[in-house]
Amino acid sequence: MPVFWWDAEYDKQGTAKLIEMFRTFAPVAFVLFNGPDIPFVRKATNHDHHFHVKLRG
């Protein structure tokens, strides 16, 4: 069962750290995710419980 960003079980700090690690160690073009207050993400339909990372190249 998915965990949505508004659920009590959602780990905002962990999600933000994981996205930050992608951006630090990979050539990230953009990240799609609807969670609020996560830097450098774009909102996208149906991305409330997962994110996508688009890499350059």
PDB file of N, CA and C in Angstrom:
ATOM      1  N   MET A   1       0.852  -1.181   0.000  1.00  0.00           N
ATOM      2  CA  MET A   1       0.000   0.000   0.000  1.00  0.00           C
ATOM      3  C   MET A   1       0.896   1.241   0.000  1.00  0.00           C
ATOM      4  N   PRO A   2       0.676   2.182  -0.895  1.00  0.00           N
ATOM      5  CA  PRO A   2       1.532   3.372  -0.963  1.00  0.00           C
ATOM      6  C   PRO A   2       1.327   4.303   0.227  1.00  0.00           C
ATOM      7  N   VAL A   3       2.355   5.062   0.522  1.00  0.00           N
ATOM      8  CA  VAL A   3       2.289   6.112   1.541  1.00  0.00           C
ATOM      9  C   VAL A   3       2.296   7.450   0.800  1.00  0.00           C
ATOM     10  N   PHE A   4       1.255   8.232   1.005  1.00  0.00           N
ATOM     11  CA  PHE A   4       1.133   9.539   0.369  1.00  0.00           C
ATOM     12  C   PHE A   4       1.811  10.598   1.233  1.00  0.00           C
ATOM     13  N   TRP A   5       2.205  11.726   0.621  1.00  0.00           N
ATOM     14  CA  TRP A   5       2.944  12.747   1.358  1.00  0.00           C
ATOM     15  C   TRP A   5       2.147  13.334   2.516  1.00  0.00           C
ATOM     16  N   TRP A   6       0.845  13.201   2.524  1.00  0.00           N
ATOM     17  CA  TRP A   6       0.034  13.743   3.622  1.00  0.00           C
ATOM     18  C   TRP A   6      -0.220  12.717   4.727  1.00  0.00           C
ATOM     19  N   ASP A   7       0.220  11.475   4.537  1.00  0.00           N
ATOM     20  CA  ASP A   7       0.042  10.430   5.552  1.00  0.00           C
ATOM     21  C   ASP A   7       1.019  10.617   6.714  1.00  0.00           C
ATOM     22  N   ALA A   8       0.614  10.176   7.891  1.00  0.00           N
ATOM     23  CA  ALA A   8       1.476  10.277   9.081  1.00  0.00           C
ATOM     24  C   ALA A   8       2.765   9.481   8.912  1.00  0.00           C
ATOM     25  N   GLU A   9       2.731   8.401   8.143  1.00  0.00           N
ATOM     26  CA  GLU A   9       3.902   7.536   7.956  1.00  0.00           C
ATOM     27  C   GLU A   9       4.943   8.123   6.999  1.00  0.00           C
ATOM     28  N   TYR A  10       4.575   9.133   6.249  1.00  0.00           N
ATOM     29  CA  TYR A  10       5.478   9.752   5.271  1.00  0.00           C
ATOM     30  C   TYR A  10       6.681  10.362   5.967  1.00  0.00           C
ATOM     31  N   ASP A  11       7.858  10.107   5.442  1.00  0.00           N
ATOM     32  CA  ASP A  11       9.114  10.627   5.995  1.00  0.00           C
ATOM     33  C   ASP A  11       9.614  11.762   5.097  1.00  0.00           C
ATOM     34  N   LYS A  12       9.181  12.976   5.393  1.00  0.00           N
ATOM     35  CA  LYS A  12       9.554  14.123   4.564  1.00  0.00           C
ATOM     36  C   LYS A  12      11.062  14.347   4.586  1.00  0.00           C
ATOM     37  N   GLN A  13      11.670  14.276   5.749  1.00  0.00           N
ATOM     38  CA  GLN A  13      13.112  14.491   5.864  1.00  0.00           C
ATOM     39  C   GLN A  13      13.884  13.431   5.070  1.00  0.00           C
ATOM     40  N   GLY A  14      13.462  12.174   5.150  1.00  0.00           N
ATOM     41  CA  GLY A  14      14.114  11.104   4.401  1.00  0.00           C
ATOM     42  C   GLY A  14      13.950  11.270   2.903  1.00  0.00           C
ATOM     43  N   THR A  15      12.765  11.679   2.470  1.00  0.00           N
ATOM     44  CA  THR A  15      12.519  11.904   1.044  1.00  0.00           C
ATOM     45  C   THR A  15      13.383  13.049   0.524  1.00  0.00           C
ATOM     46  N   ALA A  16      13.432  14.142   1.279  1.00  0.00           N
ATOM     47  CA  ALA A  16      14.245  15.287   0.879  1.00  0.00           C
ATOM     48  C   ALA A  16      15.719  14.903   0.803  1.00  0.00           C
ATOM     49  N   LYS A  17      16.201  14.109   1.752  1.00  0.00           N
ATOM     50  CA  LYS A  17      17.598  13.682   1.757  1.00  0.00           C
ATOM     51  C   LYS A  17      17.902  12.796   0.557  1.00  0.00           C
ATOM     52  N   LEU A  18      17.013  11.868   0.236  1.00  0.00           N
ATOM     53  CA  LEU A  18      17.218  10.985  -0.911  1.00  0.00           C
ATOM     54  C   LEU A  18      17.273  11.788  -2.212  1.00  0.00           C
ATOM     55  N   ILE A  19      16.359  12.741  -2.382  1.00  0.00           N
ATOM     56  CA  ILE A  19      16.368  13.591  -3.575  1.00  0.00           C
ATOM     57  C   ILE A  19      17.650  14.424  -3.612  1.00  0.00           C
ATOM     58  N   GLU A  20      18.077  14.935  -2.474  1.00  0.00           N
ATOM     59  CA  GLU A  20      19.334  15.691  -2.405  1.00  0.00           C
ATOM     60  C   GLU A  20      20.527  14.816  -2.807  1.00  0.00           C
ATOM     61  N   MET A  21      20.522  13.557  -2.391  1.00  0.00           N
ATOM     62  CA  MET A  21      21.615  12.648  -2.752  1.00  0.00           C
ATOM     63  C   MET A  21      21.638  12.393  -4.259  1.00  0.00           C
ATOM     64  N   PHE A  22      20.483  12.189  -4.866  1.00  0.00           N
ATOM     65  CA  PHE A  22      20.434  12.056  -6.324  1.00  0.00           C
ATOM     66  C   PHE A  22      21.055  13.279  -6.986  1.00  0.00           C
ATOM     67  N   ARG A  23      20.664  14.466  -6.528  1.00  0.00           N
ATOM     68  CA  ARG A  23      21.146  15.705  -7.140  1.00  0.00           C
ATOM     69  C   ARG A  23      22.647  15.894  -6.927  1.00  0.00           C
ATOM     70  N   THR A  24      23.177  15.406  -5.820  1.00  0.00           N
ATOM     71  CA  THR A  24      24.593  15.541  -5.513  1.00  0.00           C
ATOM     72  C   THR A  24      25.457  14.578  -6.322  1.00  0.00           C
ATOM     73  N   PHE A  25      24.983  13.336  -6.501  1.00  0.00           N
ATOM     74  CA  PHE A  25      25.820  12.283  -7.063  1.00  0.00           C
ATOM     75  C   PHE A  25      25.441  11.822  -8.470  1.00  0.00           C
ATOM     76  N   ALA A  26      24.410  12.420  -9.063  1.00  0.00           N
ATOM     77  CA  ALA A  26      23.987  12.024 -10.407  1.00  0.00           C
ATOM     78  C   ALA A  26      23.638  13.278 -11.208  1.00  0.00           C
ATOM     79  N   PRO A  27      23.704  13.182 -12.540  1.00  0.00           N
ATOM     80  CA  PRO A  27      23.373  14.340 -13.383  1.00  0.00           C
ATOM     81  C   PRO A  27      21.861  14.505 -13.546  1.00  0.00           C
ATOM     82  N   VAL A  28      21.215  15.021 -12.524  1.00  0.00           N
ATOM     83  CA  VAL A  28      19.755  15.136 -12.493  1.00  0.00           C
ATOM     84  C   VAL A  28      19.289  16.317 -13.344  1.00  0.00           C
ATOM     85  N   ALA A  29      18.351  16.043 -14.243  1.00  0.00           N
ATOM     86  CA  ALA A  29      17.720  17.096 -15.033  1.00  0.00           C
ATOM     87  C   ALA A  29      16.547  17.691 -14.251  1.00  0.00           C
ATOM     88  N   PHE A  30      15.698  16.821 -13.686  1.00  0.00           N
ATOM     89  CA  PHE A  30      14.594  17.280 -12.848  1.00  0.00           C
ATOM     90  C   PHE A  30      14.039  16.111 -12.043  1.00  0.00           C
ATOM     91  N   VAL A  31      13.227  16.447 -11.030  1.00  0.00           N
ATOM     92  CA  VAL A  31      12.562  15.467 -10.174  1.00  0.00           C
ATOM     93  C   VAL A  31      11.079  15.808 -10.165  1.00  0.00           C
ATOM     94  N   LEU A  32      10.237  14.795 -10.355  1.00  0.00           N
ATOM     95  CA  LEU A  32       8.783  14.967 -10.290  1.00  0.00           C
ATOM     96  C   LEU A  32       8.278  14.400  -8.967  1.00  0.00           C
ATOM     97  N   PHE A  33       7.612  15.259  -8.188  1.00  0.00           N
ATOM     98  CA  PHE A  33       7.041  14.828  -6.906  1.00  0.00           C
ATOM     99  C   PHE A  33       6.136  15.943  -6.402  1.00  0.00           C
ATOM    100  N   ASN A  34       5.034  15.588  -5.758  1.00  0.00           N
ATOM    101  CA  ASN A  34       4.066  16.587  -5.309  1.00  0.00           C
ATOM    102  C   ASN A  34       4.180  16.971  -3.842  1.00  0.00           C
ATOM    103  N   GLY A  35       5.080  16.350  -3.101  1.00  0.00           N
ATOM    104  CA  GLY A  35       5.226  16.709  -1.700  1.00  0.00           C
ATOM    105  C   GLY A  35       5.627  18.168  -1.540  1.00  0.00           C
ATOM    106  N   PRO A  36       5.036  18.871  -0.559  1.00  0.00           N
ATOM    107  CA  PRO A  36       5.349  20.293  -0.382  1.00  0.00           C
ATOM    108  C   PRO A  36       6.708  20.502   0.271  1.00  0.00           C
ATOM    109  N   ASP A  37       7.297  21.644  -0.029  1.00  0.00           N
ATOM    110  CA  ASP A  37       8.533  22.089   0.627  1.00  0.00           C
ATOM    111  C   ASP A  37       9.726  21.160   0.427  1.00  0.00           C
ATOM    112  N   ILE A  38       9.780  20.480  -0.716  1.00  0.00           N
ATOM    113  CA  ILE A  38      10.960  19.705  -1.092  1.00  0.00           C
ATOM    114  C   ILE A  38      11.652  20.517  -2.194  1.00  0.00           C
ATOM    115  N   PRO A  39      12.876  20.966  -1.958  1.00  0.00           N
ATOM    116  CA  PRO A  39      13.539  21.809  -2.962  1.00  0.00           C
ATOM    117  C   PRO A  39      13.771  21.092  -4.288  1.00  0.00           C
ATOM    118  N   PHE A  40      13.677  21.851  -5.372  1.00  0.00           N
ATOM    119  CA  PHE A  40      14.048  21.416  -6.724  1.00  0.00           C
ATOM    120  C   PHE A  40      13.134  20.353  -7.327  1.00  0.00           C
ATOM    121  N   VAL A  41      11.892  20.226  -6.854  1.00  0.00           N
ATOM    122  CA  VAL A  41      10.976  19.261  -7.466  1.00  0.00           C
ATOM    123  C   VAL A  41       9.905  19.989  -8.260  1.00  0.00           C
ATOM    124  N   ARG A  42       9.391  19.300  -9.261  1.00  0.00           N
ATOM    125  CA  ARG A  42       8.267  19.803 -10.060  1.00  0.00           C
ATOM    126  C   ARG A  42       7.036  18.972  -9.722  1.00  0.00           C
ATOM    127  N   LYS A  43       5.905  19.615  -9.656  1.00  0.00           N
ATOM    128  CA  LYS A  43       4.657  18.886  -9.425  1.00  0.00           C
ATOM    129  C   LYS A  43       4.222  18.194 -10.712  1.00  0.00           C
ATOM    130  N   ALA A  44       3.590  17.028 -10.542  1.00  0.00           N
ATOM    131  CA  ALA A  44       3.090  16.261 -11.680  1.00  0.00           C
ATOM    132  C   ALA A  44       1.881  15.447 -11.239  1.00  0.00           C
ATOM    133  N   THR A  45       0.956  15.260 -12.133  1.00  0.00           N
ATOM    134  CA  THR A  45      -0.252  14.497 -11.837  1.00  0.00           C
ATOM    135  C   THR A  45       0.103  13.108 -11.314  1.00  0.00           C
ATOM    136  N   ASN A  46      -0.567  12.690 -10.256  1.00  0.00           N
ATOM    137  CA  ASN A  46      -0.431  11.354  -9.659  1.00  0.00           C
ATOM    138  C   ASN A  46       0.959  11.054  -9.093  1.00  0.00           C
ATOM    139  N   HIS A  47       1.677  12.072  -8.653  1.00  0.00           N
ATOM    140  CA  HIS A  47       2.986  11.865  -8.030  1.00  0.00           C
ATOM    141  C   HIS A  47       2.940  12.261  -6.550  1.00  0.00           C
ATOM    142  N   ASP A  48       1.891  11.801  -5.861  1.00  0.00           N
ATOM    143  CA  ASP A  48       1.709  12.098  -4.443  1.00  0.00           C
ATOM    144  C   ASP A  48       2.323  11.036  -3.540  1.00  0.00           C
ATOM    145  N   HIS A  49       2.701   9.880  -4.090  1.00  0.00           N
ATOM    146  CA  HIS A  49       3.257   8.809  -3.258  1.00  0.00           C
ATOM    147  C   HIS A  49       4.554   8.223  -3.824  1.00  0.00           C
ATOM    148  N   HIS A  50       5.126   8.877  -4.814  1.00  0.00           N
ATOM    149  CA  HIS A  50       6.414   8.442  -5.359  1.00  0.00           C
ATOM    150  C   HIS A  50       7.020   9.588  -6.157  1.00  0.00           C
ATOM    151  N   PHE A  51       8.319   9.485  -6.443  1.00  0.00           N
ATOM    152  CA  PHE A  51       8.929  10.499  -7.292  1.00  0.00           C
ATOM    153  C   PHE A  51       9.689   9.850  -8.437  1.00  0.00           C
ATOM    154  N   HIS A  52       9.903  10.627  -9.487  1.00  0.00           N
ATOM    155  CA  HIS A  52      10.692  10.212 -10.634  1.00  0.00           C
ATOM    156  C   HIS A  52      11.886  11.145 -10.759  1.00  0.00           C
ATOM    157  N   VAL A  53      13.031  10.577 -11.104  1.00  0.00           N
ATOM    158  CA  VAL A  53      14.233  11.364 -11.332  1.00  0.00           C
ATOM    159  C   VAL A  53      14.612  11.226 -12.811  1.00  0.00           C
ATOM    160  N   LYS A  54      14.699  12.332 -13.514  1.00  0.00           N
ATOM    161  CA  LYS A  54      15.120  12.348 -14.915  1.00  0.00           C
ATOM    162  C   LYS A  54      16.597  12.739 -14.924  1.00  0.00           C
ATOM    163  N   LEU A  55      17.425  11.854 -15.492  1.00  0.00           N
ATOM    164  CA  LEU A  55      18.851  12.115 -15.562  1.00  0.00           C
ATOM    165  C   LEU A  55      19.227  12.715 -16.906  1.00  0.00           C
ATOM    166  N   ARG A  56      20.245  13.560 -16.924  1.00  0.00           N
ATOM    167  CA  ARG A  56      20.762  14.118 -18.171  1.00  0.00           C
ATOM    168  C   ARG A  56      21.616  13.063 -18.892  1.00  0.00           C
ATOM    169  N   GLY A  57      21.630  13.167 -20.219  1.00  0.00           N
ATOM    170  CA  GLY A  57      22.518  12.296 -20.987  1.00  0.00           C
ATOM    171  C   GLY A  57      21.977  11.036 -21.343  1.00  0.00           C
TER     172      GLY A  57
END
